[in-house]
Amino acid sequence: MKYLMFVATDPDRPADVDETGTVPIEEWVEKNDAAGTRLLGERLRPADQAVVVRRRDGKVSVTEGPFAETHEWIVGFDVLECADLDEAIEVAAAHPMAASGRLELRAFWED
């Protein structure tokens, strides 16, 4: 089953985050690429460089900047291939941002 994992900052994280057990991102990527659980992943440009596109009543509107007023921003993503949600949670829990940020998992729709 495929999952999209959003990697987000966490503005409410305590300054003294316990990162025990956290591995460098390069190690996490290498391990999951080799295991076939990570199919694709990239960092994203800052939220203030985002563009929001909408079409309403046949007219296209483009807004520069982030789409929401929030202090939490998506900074990257990974596409995971896991047997089930439990495995996806295990993979996400090992990601370095699990200790200092926030990871959101969403399953792809399957036909």
N, C-alpha and C. Protein backbone atom coordinates (compact mmCIF):
# COMPACT_ATOMS: atom_id res chain seq x y z
N MET A 1 0.85 -1.16 0.00
CA MET A 1 0.00 0.00 0.00
C MET A 1 0.90 1.24 0.00
N LYS A 2 0.52 2.24 -0.78
CA LYS A 2 1.32 3.46 -0.86
C LYS A 2 0.79 4.50 0.10
N TYR A 3 1.73 5.22 0.72
CA TYR A 3 1.41 6.31 1.64
C TYR A 3 2.22 7.54 1.26
N LEU A 4 1.58 8.70 1.38
CA LEU A 4 2.30 9.96 1.26
C LEU A 4 2.58 10.42 2.68
N MET A 5 3.83 10.69 2.96
CA MET A 5 4.23 11.16 4.28
C MET A 5 4.66 12.61 4.17
N PHE A 6 3.85 13.51 4.74
CA PHE A 6 4.21 14.91 4.80
C PHE A 6 5.18 15.11 5.95
N VAL A 7 6.25 15.82 5.72
CA VAL A 7 7.23 16.15 6.75
C VAL A 7 7.02 17.62 7.08
N ALA A 8 6.67 17.92 8.33
CA ALA A 8 6.34 19.29 8.70
C ALA A 8 7.13 19.74 9.92
N THR A 9 7.30 21.06 10.00
CA THR A 9 7.93 21.64 11.18
C THR A 9 6.92 21.62 12.32
N ASP A 10 7.39 21.80 13.52
CA ASP A 10 6.52 21.85 14.69
C ASP A 10 6.93 23.05 15.54
N PRO A 11 6.21 24.17 15.39
CA PRO A 11 6.60 25.38 16.11
C PRO A 11 6.40 25.27 17.62
N ASP A 12 5.64 24.28 18.07
CA ASP A 12 5.38 24.13 19.50
C ASP A 12 6.31 23.13 20.18
N ARG A 13 7.31 22.66 19.45
CA ARG A 13 8.20 21.67 20.06
C ARG A 13 9.03 22.33 21.16
N PRO A 14 9.28 21.62 22.22
CA PRO A 14 10.11 22.18 23.29
C PRO A 14 11.56 22.36 22.81
N ALA A 15 12.24 23.30 23.39
CA ALA A 15 13.64 23.58 23.00
C ALA A 15 14.55 22.39 23.33
N ASP A 16 14.20 21.64 24.34
CA ASP A 16 15.04 20.52 24.78
C ASP A 16 14.47 19.18 24.31
N VAL A 17 14.22 19.06 23.01
CA VAL A 17 13.66 17.85 22.43
C VAL A 17 14.62 16.68 22.67
N ASP A 18 14.06 15.56 23.13
CA ASP A 18 14.86 14.35 23.33
C ASP A 18 14.96 13.63 22.00
N GLU A 19 16.14 13.64 21.40
CA GLU A 19 16.33 13.01 20.10
C GLU A 19 17.01 11.65 20.22
N THR A 20 16.86 11.01 21.38
CA THR A 20 17.42 9.69 21.59
C THR A 20 16.90 8.73 20.53
N GLY A 21 17.79 8.01 19.90
CA GLY A 21 17.39 7.04 18.89
C GLY A 21 17.24 7.63 17.50
N THR A 22 17.42 8.93 17.36
CA THR A 22 17.29 9.57 16.06
C THR A 22 18.55 9.35 15.24
N VAL A 23 18.35 8.96 13.99
CA VAL A 23 19.48 8.76 13.07
C VAL A 23 19.54 9.94 12.11
N PRO A 24 20.69 10.20 11.51
CA PRO A 24 20.77 11.26 10.50
C PRO A 24 19.83 10.93 9.32
N ILE A 25 19.30 11.97 8.70
CA ILE A 25 18.36 11.77 7.60
C ILE A 25 18.96 10.93 6.48
N GLU A 26 20.25 11.10 6.21
CA GLU A 26 20.89 10.31 5.15
C GLU A 26 20.82 8.81 5.45
N GLU A 27 20.97 8.46 6.72
CA GLU A 27 20.90 7.05 7.12
C GLU A 27 19.48 6.52 6.97
N TRP A 28 18.47 7.32 7.36
CA TRP A 28 17.07 6.93 7.23
C TRP A 28 16.72 6.71 5.76
N VAL A 29 17.15 7.64 4.89
CA VAL A 29 16.87 7.54 3.46
C VAL A 29 17.53 6.28 2.88
N GLU A 30 18.80 6.09 3.17
CA GLU A 30 19.53 4.94 2.64
C GLU A 30 18.87 3.62 3.06
N LYS A 31 18.51 3.52 4.33
CA LYS A 31 17.89 2.29 4.84
C LYS A 31 16.56 2.01 4.15
N ASN A 32 15.71 3.04 4.02
CA ASN A 32 14.39 2.82 3.46
C ASN A 32 14.41 2.70 1.94
N ASP A 33 15.36 3.34 1.28
CA ASP A 33 15.53 3.13 -0.16
C ASP A 33 15.94 1.68 -0.42
N ALA A 34 16.89 1.18 0.36
CA ALA A 34 17.37 -0.19 0.19
C ALA A 34 16.28 -1.21 0.48
N ALA A 35 15.41 -0.91 1.46
CA ALA A 35 14.33 -1.83 1.82
C ALA A 35 13.15 -1.75 0.86
N GLY A 36 13.14 -0.72 0.02
CA GLY A 36 12.02 -0.55 -0.91
C GLY A 36 10.80 0.09 -0.29
N THR A 37 10.94 0.60 0.95
CA THR A 37 9.79 1.24 1.60
C THR A 37 9.69 2.72 1.26
N ARG A 38 10.76 3.31 0.75
CA ARG A 38 10.74 4.72 0.32
C ARG A 38 10.90 4.75 -1.19
N LEU A 39 9.86 5.19 -1.88
CA LEU A 39 9.88 5.22 -3.34
C LEU A 39 10.38 6.54 -3.88
N LEU A 40 10.12 7.64 -3.14
CA LEU A 40 10.46 8.97 -3.61
C LEU A 40 10.40 9.91 -2.42
N GLY A 41 11.23 10.92 -2.42
CA GLY A 41 11.16 11.92 -1.37
C GLY A 41 11.98 13.14 -1.75
N GLU A 42 11.52 14.30 -1.33
CA GLU A 42 12.22 15.54 -1.62
C GLU A 42 11.94 16.56 -0.53
N ARG A 43 12.88 17.49 -0.37
CA ARG A 43 12.63 18.68 0.44
C ARG A 43 11.84 19.65 -0.42
N LEU A 44 11.15 20.57 0.20
CA LEU A 44 10.38 21.58 -0.53
C LEU A 44 10.93 22.96 -0.25
N ARG A 45 10.74 23.87 -1.20
CA ARG A 45 11.12 25.26 -1.01
C ARG A 45 10.30 25.83 0.14
N PRO A 46 10.74 26.95 0.74
CA PRO A 46 10.01 27.54 1.88
C PRO A 46 8.58 27.92 1.52
N ALA A 47 7.72 27.90 2.53
CA ALA A 47 6.29 28.19 2.34
C ALA A 47 6.04 29.57 1.75
N ASP A 48 6.91 30.53 2.04
CA ASP A 48 6.68 31.87 1.50
C ASP A 48 6.96 31.94 0.00
N GLN A 49 7.45 30.84 -0.58
CA GLN A 49 7.63 30.77 -2.03
C GLN A 49 6.54 29.93 -2.70
N ALA A 50 5.53 29.55 -1.92
CA ALA A 50 4.43 28.75 -2.46
C ALA A 50 3.52 29.61 -3.32
N VAL A 51 2.81 28.97 -4.21
CA VAL A 51 1.79 29.61 -5.03
C VAL A 51 0.52 28.78 -4.92
N VAL A 52 -0.59 29.43 -4.65
CA VAL A 52 -1.88 28.75 -4.55
C VAL A 52 -2.67 29.06 -5.82
N VAL A 53 -3.19 28.02 -6.47
CA VAL A 53 -3.97 28.18 -7.70
C VAL A 53 -5.40 27.73 -7.42
N ARG A 54 -6.34 28.57 -7.81
CA ARG A 54 -7.76 28.25 -7.66
C ARG A 54 -8.47 28.60 -8.97
N ARG A 55 -9.53 27.86 -9.27
CA ARG A 55 -10.40 28.22 -10.38
C ARG A 55 -11.81 28.33 -9.83
N ARG A 56 -12.39 29.51 -9.96
CA ARG A 56 -13.74 29.77 -9.48
C ARG A 56 -14.50 30.47 -10.60
N ASP A 57 -15.68 29.94 -10.90
CA ASP A 57 -16.52 30.53 -11.93
C ASP A 57 -15.77 30.74 -13.24
N GLY A 58 -14.91 29.77 -13.58
CA GLY A 58 -14.18 29.83 -14.83
C GLY A 58 -12.96 30.73 -14.84
N LYS A 59 -12.68 31.39 -13.74
CA LYS A 59 -11.53 32.29 -13.67
C LYS A 59 -10.45 31.68 -12.78
N VAL A 60 -9.21 31.81 -13.24
CA VAL A 60 -8.07 31.30 -12.48
C VAL A 60 -7.51 32.43 -11.63
N SER A 61 -7.29 32.11 -10.36
CA SER A 61 -6.64 33.09 -9.47
C SER A 61 -5.38 32.44 -8.90
N VAL A 62 -4.32 33.23 -8.85
CA VAL A 62 -3.05 32.77 -8.32
C VAL A 62 -2.67 33.67 -7.16
N THR A 63 -2.40 33.06 -6.01
CA THR A 63 -2.01 33.80 -4.82
C THR A 63 -0.62 33.37 -4.43
N GLU A 64 0.25 34.34 -4.21
CA GLU A 64 1.61 34.02 -3.77
C GLU A 64 1.62 33.83 -2.26
N GLY A 65 2.54 32.99 -1.82
CA GLY A 65 2.70 32.77 -0.38
C GLY A 65 1.95 31.54 0.08
N PRO A 66 2.05 31.24 1.35
CA PRO A 66 1.45 30.02 1.89
C PRO A 66 -0.07 30.06 1.81
N PHE A 67 -0.65 28.87 1.80
CA PHE A 67 -2.09 28.73 1.66
C PHE A 67 -2.84 28.89 2.98
N ALA A 68 -2.15 28.85 4.10
CA ALA A 68 -2.82 28.92 5.40
C ALA A 68 -2.01 29.79 6.35
N GLU A 69 -2.70 30.37 7.28
CA GLU A 69 -2.03 31.15 8.32
C GLU A 69 -1.68 30.20 9.45
N THR A 70 -0.47 29.72 9.44
CA THR A 70 -0.03 28.76 10.44
C THR A 70 1.47 28.89 10.63
N HIS A 71 1.95 28.42 11.74
CA HIS A 71 3.39 28.43 11.99
C HIS A 71 4.02 27.10 11.64
N GLU A 72 3.20 26.14 11.28
CA GLU A 72 3.66 24.81 10.94
C GLU A 72 3.66 24.70 9.42
N TRP A 73 4.79 24.29 8.84
CA TRP A 73 4.90 24.24 7.40
C TRP A 73 5.39 22.89 6.93
N ILE A 74 4.85 22.43 5.81
CA ILE A 74 5.34 21.21 5.19
C ILE A 74 6.68 21.55 4.55
N VAL A 75 7.71 20.81 4.93
CA VAL A 75 9.06 21.08 4.43
C VAL A 75 9.57 19.98 3.50
N GLY A 76 8.81 18.90 3.38
CA GLY A 76 9.22 17.82 2.50
C GLY A 76 8.16 16.74 2.47
N PHE A 77 8.43 15.71 1.69
CA PHE A 77 7.51 14.59 1.59
C PHE A 77 8.28 13.34 1.20
N ASP A 78 7.66 12.21 1.46
CA ASP A 78 8.17 10.92 1.01
C ASP A 78 6.98 10.09 0.57
N VAL A 79 7.17 9.29 -0.46
CA VAL A 79 6.17 8.31 -0.87
C VAL A 79 6.68 6.97 -0.38
N LEU A 80 5.88 6.32 0.44
CA LEU A 80 6.26 5.05 1.05
C LEU A 80 5.44 3.91 0.45
N GLU A 81 6.03 2.75 0.38
CA GLU A 81 5.34 1.53 -0.02
C GLU A 81 5.46 0.57 1.15
N CYS A 82 4.36 0.34 1.84
CA CYS A 82 4.37 -0.48 3.05
C CYS A 82 3.25 -1.51 2.99
N ALA A 83 3.40 -2.57 3.73
CA ALA A 83 2.40 -3.62 3.75
C ALA A 83 1.07 -3.12 4.31
N ASP A 84 1.17 -2.23 5.31
CA ASP A 84 -0.05 -1.73 5.96
C ASP A 84 0.30 -0.47 6.75
N LEU A 85 -0.71 0.10 7.41
CA LEU A 85 -0.50 1.32 8.18
C LEU A 85 0.49 1.11 9.31
N ASP A 86 0.47 -0.04 9.94
CA ASP A 86 1.41 -0.30 11.03
C ASP A 86 2.86 -0.18 10.56
N GLU A 87 3.16 -0.73 9.38
CA GLU A 87 4.52 -0.62 8.85
C GLU A 87 4.85 0.83 8.50
N ALA A 88 3.88 1.55 7.92
CA ALA A 88 4.11 2.96 7.58
C ALA A 88 4.40 3.77 8.84
N ILE A 89 3.70 3.49 9.92
CA ILE A 89 3.94 4.18 11.19
C ILE A 89 5.34 3.86 11.70
N GLU A 90 5.76 2.63 11.58
CA GLU A 90 7.10 2.23 12.02
C GLU A 90 8.17 2.97 11.23
N VAL A 91 7.99 3.08 9.92
CA VAL A 91 8.94 3.79 9.06
C VAL A 91 8.97 5.27 9.44
N ALA A 92 7.79 5.86 9.61
CA ALA A 92 7.70 7.28 9.97
C ALA A 92 8.32 7.55 11.34
N ALA A 93 8.10 6.67 12.28
CA ALA A 93 8.61 6.87 13.64
C ALA A 93 10.13 6.89 13.68
N ALA A 94 10.78 6.26 12.70
CA ALA A 94 12.24 6.24 12.65
C ALA A 94 12.81 7.47 11.94
N HIS A 95 11.96 8.26 11.29
CA HIS A 95 12.41 9.46 10.57
C HIS A 95 12.89 10.49 11.59
N PRO A 96 13.98 11.20 11.32
CA PRO A 96 14.49 12.19 12.27
C PRO A 96 13.47 13.26 12.67
N MET A 97 12.58 13.65 11.76
CA MET A 97 11.60 14.69 12.10
C MET A 97 10.51 14.19 13.04
N ALA A 98 10.46 12.89 13.30
CA ALA A 98 9.49 12.39 14.28
C ALA A 98 9.82 12.92 15.67
N ALA A 99 11.09 13.23 15.92
CA ALA A 99 11.52 13.74 17.23
C ALA A 99 11.37 15.24 17.35
N SER A 100 11.48 15.96 16.23
CA SER A 100 11.48 17.42 16.33
C SER A 100 10.43 18.11 15.47
N GLY A 101 9.75 17.35 14.64
CA GLY A 101 8.74 17.93 13.77
C GLY A 101 7.45 17.14 13.86
N ARG A 102 6.82 16.96 12.70
CA ARG A 102 5.56 16.23 12.65
C ARG A 102 5.51 15.51 11.32
N LEU A 103 5.06 14.27 11.34
CA LEU A 103 4.91 13.49 10.11
C LEU A 103 3.46 13.08 9.98
N GLU A 104 2.89 13.33 8.82
CA GLU A 104 1.49 12.97 8.57
C GLU A 104 1.47 11.93 7.47
N LEU A 105 0.80 10.82 7.72
CA LEU A 105 0.68 9.74 6.74
C LEU A 105 -0.72 9.76 6.13
N ARG A 106 -0.76 9.66 4.80
CA ARG A 106 -2.04 9.54 4.11
C ARG A 106 -1.91 8.44 3.08
N ALA A 107 -2.83 7.49 3.13
CA ALA A 107 -2.82 6.39 2.15
C ALA A 107 -3.31 6.91 0.80
N PHE A 108 -2.73 6.38 -0.26
CA PHE A 108 -3.20 6.68 -1.60
C PHE A 108 -4.55 5.96 -1.80
N TRP A 109 -5.43 6.55 -2.59
CA TRP A 109 -6.67 5.85 -2.98
C TRP A 109 -6.26 4.68 -3.86
N GLU A 110 -6.83 3.55 -3.63
CA GLU A 110 -6.57 2.39 -4.48
C GLU A 110 -7.84 2.03 -5.22
N ASP A 111 -7.71 1.84 -6.55
CA ASP A 111 -8.88 1.46 -7.35
C ASP A 111 -9.13 -0.02 -7.27
